[in-house]
N, C-alpha and C. Protein backbone atom coordinates (compact mmCIF):
# COMPACT_ATOMS: atom_id res chain seq x y z
N UNK A 1 103.96 112.48 -6.42
CA UNK A 1 104.96 111.83 -7.24
C UNK A 1 106.27 111.78 -6.46
N UNK A 2 106.38 110.85 -5.53
CA UNK A 2 107.67 110.71 -4.84
C UNK A 2 108.74 110.19 -5.81
N UNK A 3 109.93 110.65 -5.60
CA UNK A 3 111.09 110.13 -6.34
C UNK A 3 111.91 109.34 -5.34
N UNK A 4 112.22 108.10 -5.70
CA UNK A 4 113.07 107.26 -4.86
C UNK A 4 114.42 107.10 -5.52
N UNK A 5 115.46 107.38 -4.78
CA UNK A 5 116.82 107.13 -5.24
C UNK A 5 117.39 106.05 -4.33
N UNK A 6 117.79 104.95 -4.93
CA UNK A 6 118.29 103.81 -4.17
C UNK A 6 119.73 103.56 -4.60
N UNK A 7 120.65 103.73 -3.65
CA UNK A 7 122.07 103.50 -3.89
C UNK A 7 122.46 102.24 -3.13
N UNK A 8 123.18 101.35 -3.81
CA UNK A 8 123.60 100.12 -3.15
C UNK A 8 124.94 99.66 -3.69
N UNK A 9 125.60 98.84 -2.88
CA UNK A 9 126.89 98.30 -3.28
C UNK A 9 126.69 97.22 -4.33
N UNK A 10 127.62 97.15 -5.25
CA UNK A 10 127.57 96.12 -6.29
C UNK A 10 127.61 94.73 -5.65
N UNK A 11 127.07 93.77 -6.38
CA UNK A 11 127.15 92.39 -5.90
C UNK A 11 125.82 91.67 -5.89
N UNK A 12 124.72 92.40 -5.97
CA UNK A 12 123.41 91.74 -6.03
C UNK A 12 123.06 91.48 -7.49
N UNK A 13 122.30 90.41 -7.72
CA UNK A 13 121.86 90.14 -9.09
C UNK A 13 120.59 90.95 -9.38
N UNK A 14 120.14 90.91 -10.63
CA UNK A 14 118.98 91.72 -11.06
C UNK A 14 117.74 91.43 -10.24
N UNK A 15 117.50 90.16 -9.94
CA UNK A 15 116.30 89.79 -9.18
C UNK A 15 116.35 90.36 -7.77
N UNK A 16 117.52 90.34 -7.14
CA UNK A 16 117.65 90.89 -5.79
C UNK A 16 117.42 92.40 -5.80
N UNK A 17 117.99 93.06 -6.80
CA UNK A 17 117.80 94.52 -6.90
C UNK A 17 116.34 94.84 -7.14
N UNK A 18 115.70 94.13 -8.06
CA UNK A 18 114.29 94.38 -8.37
C UNK A 18 113.42 94.11 -7.14
N UNK A 19 113.79 93.11 -6.37
CA UNK A 19 113.05 92.79 -5.16
C UNK A 19 113.13 93.94 -4.16
N UNK A 20 114.31 94.51 -3.99
CA UNK A 20 114.49 95.65 -3.08
C UNK A 20 113.69 96.86 -3.56
N UNK A 21 113.78 97.14 -4.85
CA UNK A 21 113.08 98.29 -5.42
C UNK A 21 111.56 98.10 -5.32
N UNK A 22 111.07 96.91 -5.67
CA UNK A 22 109.63 96.65 -5.60
C UNK A 22 109.11 96.71 -4.17
N UNK A 23 109.86 96.13 -3.22
CA UNK A 23 109.44 96.16 -1.82
C UNK A 23 109.36 97.59 -1.31
N UNK A 24 110.33 98.40 -1.67
CA UNK A 24 110.34 99.81 -1.27
C UNK A 24 109.14 100.54 -1.87
N UNK A 25 108.87 100.28 -3.15
CA UNK A 25 107.73 100.94 -3.81
C UNK A 25 106.41 100.54 -3.16
N UNK A 26 106.25 99.27 -2.85
CA UNK A 26 105.01 98.82 -2.21
C UNK A 26 104.80 99.53 -0.88
N UNK A 27 105.86 99.72 -0.11
CA UNK A 27 105.75 100.42 1.17
C UNK A 27 105.33 101.88 0.96
N UNK A 28 105.91 102.53 -0.03
CA UNK A 28 105.57 103.93 -0.32
C UNK A 28 104.10 104.04 -0.76
N UNK A 29 103.66 103.15 -1.63
CA UNK A 29 102.26 103.15 -2.09
C UNK A 29 101.32 102.93 -0.91
N UNK A 30 101.65 101.96 -0.07
CA UNK A 30 100.79 101.61 1.06
C UNK A 30 100.68 102.75 2.08
N UNK A 31 101.80 103.33 2.46
CA UNK A 31 101.79 104.32 3.53
C UNK A 31 101.39 105.71 3.04
N UNK A 32 101.92 106.12 1.90
CA UNK A 32 101.63 107.48 1.41
C UNK A 32 100.36 107.55 0.58
N UNK A 33 99.82 106.39 0.22
CA UNK A 33 98.56 106.37 -0.52
C UNK A 33 98.67 106.87 -1.96
N UNK A 34 99.84 106.72 -2.56
CA UNK A 34 100.00 107.16 -3.95
C UNK A 34 99.53 106.06 -4.89
N UNK A 35 99.17 106.40 -6.13
CA UNK A 35 98.77 105.37 -7.09
C UNK A 35 99.92 104.40 -7.39
N UNK A 36 99.58 103.15 -7.64
CA UNK A 36 100.57 102.11 -7.93
C UNK A 36 101.51 102.50 -9.07
N UNK A 37 100.97 103.15 -10.11
CA UNK A 37 101.78 103.48 -11.28
C UNK A 37 102.51 104.83 -11.16
N UNK A 38 102.38 105.46 -10.02
CA UNK A 38 103.12 106.72 -9.77
C UNK A 38 104.50 106.32 -9.27
N UNK A 39 105.34 105.91 -10.20
CA UNK A 39 106.61 105.28 -9.84
C UNK A 39 107.76 105.96 -10.56
N UNK A 40 108.60 106.62 -9.78
CA UNK A 40 109.80 107.27 -10.31
C UNK A 40 110.96 106.86 -9.40
N UNK A 41 111.87 106.05 -9.93
CA UNK A 41 112.96 105.51 -9.13
C UNK A 41 114.27 105.55 -9.91
N UNK A 42 115.32 105.80 -9.19
CA UNK A 42 116.67 105.76 -9.76
C UNK A 42 117.46 104.78 -8.90
N UNK A 43 118.05 103.79 -9.54
CA UNK A 43 118.86 102.81 -8.82
C UNK A 43 120.29 102.94 -9.32
N UNK A 44 121.20 103.07 -8.37
CA UNK A 44 122.60 103.22 -8.75
C UNK A 44 123.45 102.27 -7.90
N UNK A 45 124.25 101.46 -8.59
CA UNK A 45 125.17 100.56 -7.90
C UNK A 45 126.55 101.21 -7.83
N UNK A 46 127.21 101.00 -6.71
CA UNK A 46 128.54 101.56 -6.48
C UNK A 46 129.50 100.44 -6.09
N UNK A 47 130.77 100.58 -6.41
CA UNK A 47 131.75 99.64 -5.85
C UNK A 47 131.64 99.71 -4.32
N UNK A 48 131.76 98.57 -3.66
CA UNK A 48 131.58 98.51 -2.20
C UNK A 48 132.45 99.53 -1.46
N UNK A 49 133.66 99.76 -1.96
CA UNK A 49 134.56 100.69 -1.27
C UNK A 49 134.14 102.15 -1.46
N UNK A 50 133.15 102.42 -2.30
CA UNK A 50 132.68 103.79 -2.50
C UNK A 50 131.52 104.15 -1.58
N UNK A 51 131.05 103.20 -0.79
CA UNK A 51 130.01 103.48 0.20
C UNK A 51 130.63 103.26 1.57
N UNK A 52 130.71 104.31 2.33
CA UNK A 52 131.28 104.24 3.68
C UNK A 52 130.14 104.49 4.66
N UNK A 53 129.78 103.46 5.42
CA UNK A 53 128.70 103.56 6.39
C UNK A 53 129.15 102.83 7.64
N UNK A 54 129.62 103.57 8.61
CA UNK A 54 130.17 102.97 9.82
C UNK A 54 129.11 102.84 10.90
N UNK A 55 129.47 102.22 12.00
CA UNK A 55 128.57 101.87 13.10
C UNK A 55 127.82 103.08 13.67
N UNK A 56 128.39 104.19 13.86
CA UNK A 56 127.77 105.39 14.43
C UNK A 56 127.23 105.17 15.84
N UNK A 57 127.76 104.18 16.56
CA UNK A 57 127.38 103.97 17.94
C UNK A 57 126.09 103.20 18.16
N UNK A 58 125.53 102.59 17.14
CA UNK A 58 124.28 101.85 17.28
C UNK A 58 124.49 100.40 17.70
N UNK A 59 125.74 99.94 17.69
CA UNK A 59 126.03 98.62 18.19
C UNK A 59 125.98 97.50 17.18
N UNK A 60 125.99 97.81 15.90
CA UNK A 60 126.04 96.75 14.90
C UNK A 60 126.91 97.18 13.73
N UNK A 61 127.48 96.21 13.08
CA UNK A 61 128.30 96.48 11.90
C UNK A 61 127.43 96.48 10.66
N UNK A 62 127.73 97.37 9.76
CA UNK A 62 127.01 97.41 8.49
C UNK A 62 127.78 96.58 7.46
N UNK A 63 127.04 95.96 6.58
CA UNK A 63 127.66 95.14 5.54
C UNK A 63 127.36 95.70 4.17
N UNK A 64 126.44 95.09 3.50
CA UNK A 64 126.07 95.44 2.14
C UNK A 64 124.97 96.51 2.19
N UNK A 65 125.35 97.76 2.23
CA UNK A 65 124.45 98.88 2.50
C UNK A 65 123.51 99.18 1.34
N UNK A 66 122.27 99.52 1.69
CA UNK A 66 121.27 100.02 0.75
C UNK A 66 120.85 101.38 1.30
N UNK A 67 121.08 102.44 0.52
CA UNK A 67 120.67 103.79 0.93
C UNK A 67 119.46 104.20 0.10
N UNK A 68 118.41 104.62 0.80
CA UNK A 68 117.16 104.98 0.13
C UNK A 68 116.85 106.43 0.46
N UNK A 69 116.76 107.26 -0.57
CA UNK A 69 116.34 108.65 -0.40
C UNK A 69 114.96 108.79 -1.04
N UNK A 70 114.05 109.40 -0.31
CA UNK A 70 112.69 109.59 -0.79
C UNK A 70 112.43 111.09 -0.86
N UNK A 71 112.12 111.56 -2.05
CA UNK A 71 111.84 112.98 -2.26
C UNK A 71 110.33 113.14 -2.45
N UNK A 72 109.69 113.93 -1.59
CA UNK A 72 108.26 114.19 -1.70
C UNK A 72 108.01 115.68 -1.50
N UNK A 73 106.77 116.07 -1.75
CA UNK A 73 106.39 117.43 -1.41
C UNK A 73 106.23 117.53 0.09
N UNK A 74 106.43 118.70 0.61
CA UNK A 74 106.31 118.96 2.05
C UNK A 74 104.88 118.66 2.51
N UNK A 75 104.75 118.25 3.76
CA UNK A 75 103.42 118.08 4.33
C UNK A 75 103.20 116.77 5.05
N UNK A 76 104.13 115.84 4.98
CA UNK A 76 103.97 114.57 5.68
C UNK A 76 104.29 114.77 7.17
N UNK A 77 103.49 114.15 8.01
CA UNK A 77 103.73 114.25 9.45
C UNK A 77 104.91 113.38 9.85
N UNK A 78 105.44 113.67 11.02
CA UNK A 78 106.54 112.85 11.55
C UNK A 78 106.08 111.40 11.70
N UNK A 79 104.85 111.22 12.15
CA UNK A 79 104.30 109.87 12.32
C UNK A 79 104.23 109.14 10.98
N UNK A 80 103.81 109.83 9.93
CA UNK A 80 103.74 109.20 8.60
C UNK A 80 105.13 108.80 8.11
N UNK A 81 106.12 109.66 8.36
CA UNK A 81 107.49 109.33 7.95
C UNK A 81 108.01 108.12 8.71
N UNK A 82 107.75 108.07 10.02
CA UNK A 82 108.18 106.92 10.81
C UNK A 82 107.49 105.64 10.34
N UNK A 83 106.21 105.75 10.05
CA UNK A 83 105.46 104.60 9.54
C UNK A 83 106.02 104.13 8.20
N UNK A 84 106.40 105.08 7.35
CA UNK A 84 106.98 104.74 6.06
C UNK A 84 108.31 104.02 6.25
N UNK A 85 109.17 104.53 7.11
CA UNK A 85 110.46 103.88 7.33
C UNK A 85 110.29 102.48 7.91
N UNK A 86 109.32 102.33 8.81
CA UNK A 86 109.04 101.01 9.39
C UNK A 86 108.53 100.06 8.31
N UNK A 87 107.64 100.55 7.43
CA UNK A 87 107.10 99.71 6.36
C UNK A 87 108.20 99.29 5.38
N UNK A 88 109.12 100.21 5.09
CA UNK A 88 110.24 99.87 4.20
C UNK A 88 111.10 98.80 4.84
N UNK A 89 111.43 98.96 6.12
CA UNK A 89 112.26 97.97 6.82
C UNK A 89 111.57 96.61 6.82
N UNK A 90 110.26 96.59 7.10
CA UNK A 90 109.52 95.33 7.11
C UNK A 90 109.48 94.70 5.72
N UNK A 91 109.27 95.53 4.69
CA UNK A 91 109.21 95.01 3.32
C UNK A 91 110.56 94.43 2.90
N UNK A 92 111.63 95.12 3.26
CA UNK A 92 112.96 94.63 2.91
C UNK A 92 113.31 93.36 3.69
N UNK A 93 112.86 93.28 4.92
CA UNK A 93 113.14 92.09 5.73
C UNK A 93 112.53 90.85 5.08
N UNK A 94 111.42 91.02 4.42
CA UNK A 94 110.77 89.89 3.77
C UNK A 94 111.43 89.51 2.46
N UNK A 95 112.29 90.36 1.91
CA UNK A 95 112.89 90.13 0.60
C UNK A 95 114.38 89.84 0.67
N UNK A 96 115.08 90.61 1.50
CA UNK A 96 116.54 90.53 1.55
C UNK A 96 116.95 90.89 2.97
N UNK A 97 117.11 89.87 3.82
CA UNK A 97 117.34 90.11 5.24
C UNK A 97 118.53 91.02 5.50
N UNK A 98 119.60 90.87 4.76
CA UNK A 98 120.77 91.71 4.97
C UNK A 98 120.47 93.16 4.62
N UNK A 99 119.68 93.38 3.58
CA UNK A 99 119.33 94.75 3.19
C UNK A 99 118.52 95.42 4.30
N UNK A 100 117.68 94.68 4.99
CA UNK A 100 116.86 95.27 6.06
C UNK A 100 117.75 95.80 7.17
N UNK A 101 118.79 95.07 7.50
CA UNK A 101 119.70 95.50 8.54
C UNK A 101 120.51 96.70 8.08
N UNK A 102 120.88 96.71 6.82
CA UNK A 102 121.80 97.72 6.31
C UNK A 102 121.12 98.85 5.53
N UNK A 103 119.82 98.98 5.65
CA UNK A 103 119.12 100.05 4.94
C UNK A 103 119.27 101.37 5.69
N UNK A 104 119.61 102.40 4.98
CA UNK A 104 119.69 103.75 5.51
C UNK A 104 118.65 104.55 4.73
N UNK A 105 117.65 105.08 5.45
CA UNK A 105 116.55 105.78 4.78
C UNK A 105 116.60 107.26 5.12
N UNK A 106 116.26 108.07 4.13
CA UNK A 106 116.23 109.52 4.32
C UNK A 106 115.05 110.06 3.54
N UNK A 107 114.30 110.96 4.16
CA UNK A 107 113.14 111.56 3.51
C UNK A 107 113.42 113.05 3.32
N UNK A 108 113.43 113.48 2.07
CA UNK A 108 113.67 114.88 1.75
C UNK A 108 112.39 115.48 1.18
N UNK A 109 112.03 116.66 1.66
CA UNK A 109 110.80 117.30 1.20
C UNK A 109 111.11 118.53 0.37
N UNK A 110 110.28 118.77 -0.62
CA UNK A 110 110.40 119.96 -1.44
C UNK A 110 109.09 120.73 -1.37
N UNK A 111 109.14 121.98 -1.78
CA UNK A 111 107.93 122.78 -1.90
C UNK A 111 107.66 122.98 -3.38
N UNK A 112 106.48 123.39 -3.70
CA UNK A 112 106.14 123.63 -5.10
C UNK A 112 107.09 124.66 -5.71
N UNK A 113 107.46 125.67 -4.93
CA UNK A 113 108.36 126.71 -5.43
C UNK A 113 109.72 126.14 -5.79
N UNK A 114 110.29 125.30 -4.92
CA UNK A 114 111.62 124.74 -5.22
C UNK A 114 111.55 123.76 -6.39
N UNK A 115 110.40 123.12 -6.57
CA UNK A 115 110.26 122.19 -7.69
C UNK A 115 110.20 122.94 -9.02
N UNK A 116 109.61 124.13 -9.02
CA UNK A 116 109.47 124.89 -10.27
C UNK A 116 110.77 125.56 -10.70
N UNK A 117 111.61 125.92 -9.76
CA UNK A 117 112.83 126.66 -10.09
C UNK A 117 113.71 125.96 -11.11
N UNK A 118 114.09 124.68 -10.93
CA UNK A 118 114.95 124.04 -11.93
C UNK A 118 114.28 123.99 -13.31
N UNK A 119 112.96 123.80 -13.32
CA UNK A 119 112.25 123.76 -14.60
C UNK A 119 112.36 125.12 -15.31
N UNK A 120 112.18 126.19 -14.57
CA UNK A 120 112.28 127.51 -15.17
C UNK A 120 113.70 127.78 -15.68
N UNK A 121 114.68 127.37 -14.91
CA UNK A 121 116.07 127.56 -15.32
C UNK A 121 116.37 126.73 -16.57
N UNK A 122 115.87 125.50 -16.64
CA UNK A 122 116.07 124.65 -17.81
C UNK A 122 115.41 125.28 -19.04
N UNK A 123 114.20 125.81 -18.84
CA UNK A 123 113.47 126.43 -19.93
C UNK A 123 114.24 127.64 -20.46
N UNK A 124 114.74 128.47 -19.55
CA UNK A 124 115.49 129.66 -19.96
C UNK A 124 116.76 129.27 -20.70
N UNK A 125 117.47 128.27 -20.22
CA UNK A 125 118.69 127.80 -20.86
C UNK A 125 118.39 127.27 -22.26
N UNK A 126 117.34 126.47 -22.38
CA UNK A 126 116.98 125.92 -23.69
C UNK A 126 116.62 127.05 -24.65
N UNK A 127 115.94 128.05 -24.17
CA UNK A 127 115.57 129.20 -25.01
C UNK A 127 116.80 129.96 -25.48
N UNK A 128 117.78 130.13 -24.57
CA UNK A 128 119.02 130.83 -24.93
C UNK A 128 119.84 130.06 -25.95
N UNK A 129 119.77 128.74 -25.91
CA UNK A 129 120.57 127.91 -26.82
C UNK A 129 120.02 127.88 -28.23
N UNK A 130 118.79 128.28 -28.41
CA UNK A 130 118.18 128.26 -29.75
C UNK A 130 118.76 129.29 -30.65
């Protein structure tokens, strides 16, 4: 159950946003082999001035940035992560050429233990509030 968090600058219409989200999901399904309906995504739009993404020495200017964070359980190989990032870039290039250039991808891994901790804390808090 990967969780995708997609942050982008305001200015795209609903269809463009849905296209970016769907293209990203298709890449995750294809590369990680998860079921099509295993879909958990958060999309957040920000005023353009609230996203600061500078050149960082790569030789190109960033414009309308799309930041994609992918949260999965630990265990993916470096090769699988690279393949996933390549698939996302290719999928976005077919949908929104500017997004492909300005996509920033990050893969964060969790362990079963770290996933259970917030749940236990929430359960304890809810019990105390009763």
